[in-house]
């Protein structure tokens, strides 16, 4: 069957290099399939929304951890200075 052939039985169409046959049954059942696809799309959008929310919470957690890391580095630097001072005083 050639590309673009139409008849009562159906038509061949090329999609991504693959020839797919479209029949009258496909056309009649397409609204049901479309409704199912819409349901899948709603489900996918819902999952996308949940994943986006989770990503946002994870990004906030990472930002808090980075802030805590910076504070801990500052604290460690202060403790090192204090320890060095104590060691200098002890040696003198």
C-alpha atoms as a PDB file:
ATOM      1  CA  UNK A   1       0.000   0.000   0.000  1.00  0.00           C
ATOM      2  CA  UNK A   2       1.333   3.437  -0.835  1.00  0.00           C
ATOM      3  CA  UNK A   3       1.590   6.484   1.328  1.00  0.00           C
ATOM      4  CA  UNK A   4      -1.574   8.575   1.380  1.00  0.00           C
ATOM      5  CA  UNK A   5      -3.803   5.798  -0.087  1.00  0.00           C
ATOM      6  CA  UNK A   6      -7.365   6.213   1.139  1.00  0.00           C
ATOM      7  CA  UNK A   7     -10.347   3.898   0.817  1.00  0.00           C
ATOM      8  CA  UNK A   8     -13.232   2.640   2.883  1.00  0.00           C
ATOM      9  CA  UNK A   9     -10.891   0.023   4.366  1.00  0.00           C
ATOM     10  CA  UNK A  10      -8.341   2.522   5.576  1.00  0.00           C
ATOM     11  CA  UNK A  11      -5.252   4.502   4.735  1.00  0.00           C
ATOM     12  CA  UNK A  12      -1.551   4.077   5.147  1.00  0.00           C
ATOM     13  CA  UNK A  13       0.350   6.896   6.761  1.00  0.00           C
ATOM     14  CA  UNK A  14       4.006   7.281   7.470  1.00  0.00           C
ATOM     15  CA  UNK A  15       4.993   8.249  10.989  1.00  0.00           C
ATOM     16  CA  UNK A  16       8.679   8.387  11.845  1.00  0.00           C
ATOM     17  CA  UNK A  17       9.576   6.115   8.947  1.00  0.00           C
ATOM     18  CA  UNK A  18       7.040   3.448   9.964  1.00  0.00           C
ATOM     19  CA  UNK A  19       3.969   2.837   7.875  1.00  0.00           C
ATOM     20  CA  UNK A  20       0.851   2.581  10.015  1.00  0.00           C
ATOM     21  CA  UNK A  21      -2.511   1.446   8.752  1.00  0.00           C
ATOM     22  CA  UNK A  22      -5.527   3.476   9.774  1.00  0.00           C
ATOM     23  CA  UNK A  23      -8.824   1.665   9.527  1.00  0.00           C
ATOM     24  CA  UNK A  24     -12.406   2.721  10.020  1.00  0.00           C
ATOM     25  CA  UNK A  25     -12.303   0.862  13.348  1.00  0.00           C
ATOM     26  CA  UNK A  26      -9.383   3.052  14.422  1.00  0.00           C
ATOM     27  CA  UNK A  27     -11.350   6.165  13.524  1.00  0.00           C
ATOM     28  CA  UNK A  28     -14.451   4.973  15.386  1.00  0.00           C
ATOM     29  CA  UNK A  29     -12.480   3.885  18.466  1.00  0.00           C
ATOM     30  CA  UNK A  30     -10.268   6.965  18.460  1.00  0.00           C
ATOM     31  CA  UNK A  31     -12.600   9.063  20.703  1.00  0.00           C
ATOM     32  CA  UNK A  32     -12.361   6.377  23.410  1.00  0.00           C
ATOM     33  CA  UNK A  33      -8.627   6.174  22.967  1.00  0.00           C
ATOM     34  CA  UNK A  34      -8.502   9.962  23.075  1.00  0.00           C
ATOM     35  CA  UNK A  35     -10.401   9.975  26.359  1.00  0.00           C
ATOM     36  CA  UNK A  36      -7.964   7.399  27.733  1.00  0.00           C
ATOM     37  CA  UNK A  37      -5.050   9.502  26.484  1.00  0.00           C
ATOM     38  CA  UNK A  38      -6.560  12.560  28.179  1.00  0.00           C
ATOM     39  CA  UNK A  39      -6.819  10.543  31.399  1.00  0.00           C
ATOM     40  CA  UNK A  40      -3.176   9.579  31.037  1.00  0.00           C
ATOM     41  CA  UNK A  41      -2.313  13.222  30.355  1.00  0.00           C
ATOM     42  CA  UNK A  42      -4.161  14.336  33.497  1.00  0.00           C
ATOM     43  CA  UNK A  43      -2.379  11.601  35.439  1.00  0.00           C
ATOM     44  CA  UNK A  44       0.936  12.672  33.939  1.00  0.00           C
ATOM     45  CA  UNK A  45       0.264  16.327  34.742  1.00  0.00           C
ATOM     46  CA  UNK A  46      -0.663  15.395  38.299  1.00  0.00           C
ATOM     47  CA  UNK A  47       2.530  13.378  38.648  1.00  0.00           C
ATOM     48  CA  UNK A  48       4.516  16.246  37.121  1.00  0.00           C
ATOM     49  CA  UNK A  49       2.994  18.662  39.644  1.00  0.00           C
ATOM     50  CA  UNK A  50       3.849  16.349  42.546  1.00  0.00           C
ATOM     51  CA  UNK A  51       7.388  15.857  41.263  1.00  0.00           C
ATOM     52  CA  UNK A  52       7.791  19.619  40.829  1.00  0.00           C
ATOM     53  CA  UNK A  53       6.690  20.161  44.423  1.00  0.00           C
ATOM     54  CA  UNK A  54       9.090  17.492  45.622  1.00  0.00           C
ATOM     55  CA  UNK A  55      11.896  19.052  43.586  1.00  0.00           C
ATOM     56  CA  UNK A  56      11.137  22.425  45.177  1.00  0.00           C
ATOM     57  CA  UNK A  57      11.308  20.927  48.677  1.00  0.00           C
ATOM     58  CA  UNK A  58      14.566  19.175  47.839  1.00  0.00           C
ATOM     59  CA  UNK A  59      16.042  22.400  46.464  1.00  0.00           C
ATOM     60  CA  UNK A  60      15.063  24.204  49.670  1.00  0.00           C
ATOM     61  CA  UNK A  61      16.653  21.435  51.742  1.00  0.00           C
ATOM     62  CA  UNK A  62      19.855  21.691  49.693  1.00  0.00           C
ATOM     63  CA  UNK A  63      19.910  25.470  50.191  1.00  0.00           C
ATOM     64  CA  UNK A  64      19.488  25.028  53.970  1.00  0.00           C
ATOM     65  CA  UNK A  65      22.255  22.415  54.042  1.00  0.00           C
ATOM     66  CA  UNK A  66      24.590  24.693  52.083  1.00  0.00           C
ATOM     67  CA  UNK A  67      23.858  27.499  54.545  1.00  0.00           C
ATOM     68  CA  UNK A  68      24.548  25.178  57.496  1.00  0.00           C
ATOM     69  CA  UNK A  69      27.752  24.001  55.795  1.00  0.00           C
ATOM     70  CA  UNK A  70      28.940  27.605  55.482  1.00  0.00           C
ATOM     71  CA  UNK A  71      28.128  28.272  59.153  1.00  0.00           C
ATOM     72  CA  UNK A  72      29.946  25.106  60.212  1.00  0.00           C
ATOM     73  CA  UNK A  73      33.014  26.081  58.180  1.00  0.00           C
ATOM     74  CA  UNK A  74      33.014  29.470  59.938  1.00  0.00           C
ATOM     75  CA  UNK A  75      32.629  27.771  63.315  1.00  0.00           C
ATOM     76  CA  UNK A  76      35.469  25.361  62.553  1.00  0.00           C
ATOM     77  CA  UNK A  77      37.706  28.257  61.489  1.00  0.00           C
ATOM     78  CA  UNK A  78      36.919  30.052  64.774  1.00  0.00           C
ATOM     79  CA  UNK A  79      37.634  26.913  66.791  1.00  0.00           C
ATOM     80  CA  UNK A  80      40.958  26.457  64.982  1.00  0.00           C
ATOM     81  CA  UNK A  81      41.956  30.033  65.784  1.00  0.00           C
ATOM     82  CA  UNK A  82      40.980  29.522  69.422  1.00  0.00           C
ATOM     83  CA  UNK A  83      42.906  26.239  69.604  1.00  0.00           C
ATOM     84  CA  UNK A  84      45.986  27.835  68.020  1.00  0.00           C
ATOM     85  CA  UNK A  85      45.804  30.676  70.544  1.00  0.00           C
ATOM     86  CA  UNK A  86      45.486  28.240  73.470  1.00  0.00           C
ATOM     87  CA  UNK A  87      48.449  26.229  72.176  1.00  0.00           C
ATOM     88  CA  UNK A  88      50.552  29.430  71.800  1.00  0.00           C
ATOM     89  CA  UNK A  89      49.691  30.509  75.358  1.00  0.00           C
ATOM     90  CA  UNK A  90      50.496  27.085  76.730  1.00  0.00           C
ATOM     91  CA  UNK A  91      53.926  27.069  75.043  1.00  0.00           C
ATOM     92  CA  UNK A  92      54.812  30.515  76.443  1.00  0.00           C
END
